[in-house]
Amino acid sequence: MPESSSRNKKKTEKVKAEKTPKKPRPQSRVWVAPLMLACWLLGLAWLVVFYVAGQDVPVMKDLGNWNLLIGMGLIAVGFVVSTQWV
């Protein structure tokens, strides 16, 4: 059985354009960790206060179930900020 012509061809190496590598950050930015933890703790505290005494706090009483979105939103912002932490 004859061999296919693709077996006889030499493999050519693709020449990649040289890129200057980015210099990695040696450490995290100073504001990342405190902001991340502050968002997580503030979101958690918002949810706990809403469940424990939400009907007694005037602002939370007016917001109703939007308090859940505010608390979870703060926690989500904390996770987004955590992507900047090295």
Protein backbone atom coordinates (compact mmCIF):
# COMPACT_ATOMS: atom_id res chain seq x y z
CA MET A 1 0.00 0.00 0.00
CA PRO A 2 1.51 3.39 -0.92
CA GLU A 3 2.32 5.89 1.79
CA SER A 4 0.52 9.18 1.84
CA SER A 5 2.45 12.20 0.72
CA SER A 6 1.84 13.98 4.01
CA ARG A 7 4.13 11.52 5.79
CA ASN A 8 7.05 12.44 3.61
CA LYS A 9 6.82 16.19 4.17
CA LYS A 10 9.11 17.70 6.73
CA LYS A 11 7.41 19.41 9.60
CA THR A 12 8.06 23.10 9.52
CA GLU A 13 8.30 25.06 12.68
CA LYS A 14 6.18 28.12 12.94
CA VAL A 15 8.10 31.21 13.81
CA LYS A 16 6.37 33.07 16.58
CA ALA A 17 6.73 36.78 16.85
CA GLU A 18 8.67 37.68 19.92
CA LYS A 19 6.68 39.60 22.47
CA THR A 20 8.10 41.46 25.35
CA PRO A 21 6.81 39.69 28.45
CA LYS A 22 4.96 41.76 30.98
CA LYS A 23 6.72 42.22 34.24
CA PRO A 24 4.70 40.45 36.95
CA ARG A 25 3.70 42.45 39.98
CA PRO A 26 5.88 41.38 42.90
CA GLN A 27 3.12 42.05 45.42
CA SER A 28 -0.51 43.02 45.65
CA ARG A 29 -1.71 46.56 45.70
CA VAL A 30 -2.09 47.82 49.24
CA TRP A 31 -5.79 48.67 48.99
CA VAL A 32 -7.01 45.31 47.62
CA ALA A 33 -7.10 43.16 50.75
CA PRO A 34 -8.68 45.75 53.07
CA LEU A 35 -11.35 46.67 50.51
CA MET A 36 -12.11 43.01 49.79
CA LEU A 37 -12.52 42.16 53.47
CA ALA A 38 -14.51 45.33 54.14
CA CYS A 39 -17.00 44.49 51.36
CA TRP A 40 -17.40 40.92 52.59
CA LEU A 41 -17.89 41.91 56.21
CA LEU A 42 -20.18 44.83 55.42
CA GLY A 43 -22.33 42.63 53.17
CA LEU A 44 -22.49 39.91 55.81
CA ALA A 45 -23.33 42.43 58.53
CA TRP A 46 -26.04 43.98 56.32
CA LEU A 47 -27.70 40.60 55.84
CA VAL A 48 -27.47 39.66 59.51
CA VAL A 49 -28.93 42.97 60.66
CA PHE A 50 -31.69 42.65 58.07
CA TYR A 51 -32.69 39.21 59.31
CA VAL A 52 -32.36 39.98 63.02
CA ALA A 53 -33.71 43.54 63.29
CA GLY A 54 -34.72 44.57 59.78
CA GLN A 55 -38.26 45.55 60.74
CA ASP A 56 -37.00 47.84 63.51
CA VAL A 57 -34.46 49.78 61.40
CA PRO A 58 -36.29 52.51 59.45
CA VAL A 59 -34.16 52.44 56.28
CA MET A 60 -34.17 48.65 56.06
CA LYS A 61 -37.90 48.55 56.69
CA ASP A 62 -38.48 50.81 53.68
CA LEU A 63 -36.19 48.78 51.40
CA GLY A 64 -37.88 45.45 52.11
CA ASN A 65 -36.34 42.53 50.24
CA TRP A 66 -33.95 44.85 48.36
CA ASN A 67 -31.78 44.43 51.45
CA LEU A 68 -30.90 40.95 50.21
CA LEU A 69 -29.65 42.40 46.93
CA ILE A 70 -27.62 45.05 48.75
CA GLY A 71 -25.96 42.51 51.07
CA MET A 72 -25.26 39.98 48.32
CA GLY A 73 -24.09 42.79 46.03
CA LEU A 74 -21.51 43.90 48.57
CA ILE A 75 -20.27 40.33 48.90
CA ALA A 76 -20.09 40.03 45.10
CA VAL A 77 -18.08 43.26 44.90
CA GLY A 78 -15.68 41.73 47.41
CA PHE A 79 -15.21 38.73 45.13
CA VAL A 80 -14.61 40.99 42.11
CA VAL A 81 -12.01 42.96 44.06
CA SER A 82 -10.34 39.69 45.14
CA THR A 83 -9.37 39.01 41.51
CA GLN A 84 -6.85 41.84 41.82
CA TRP A 85 -5.09 40.18 44.75
CA VAL A 86 -1.81 38.45 43.90
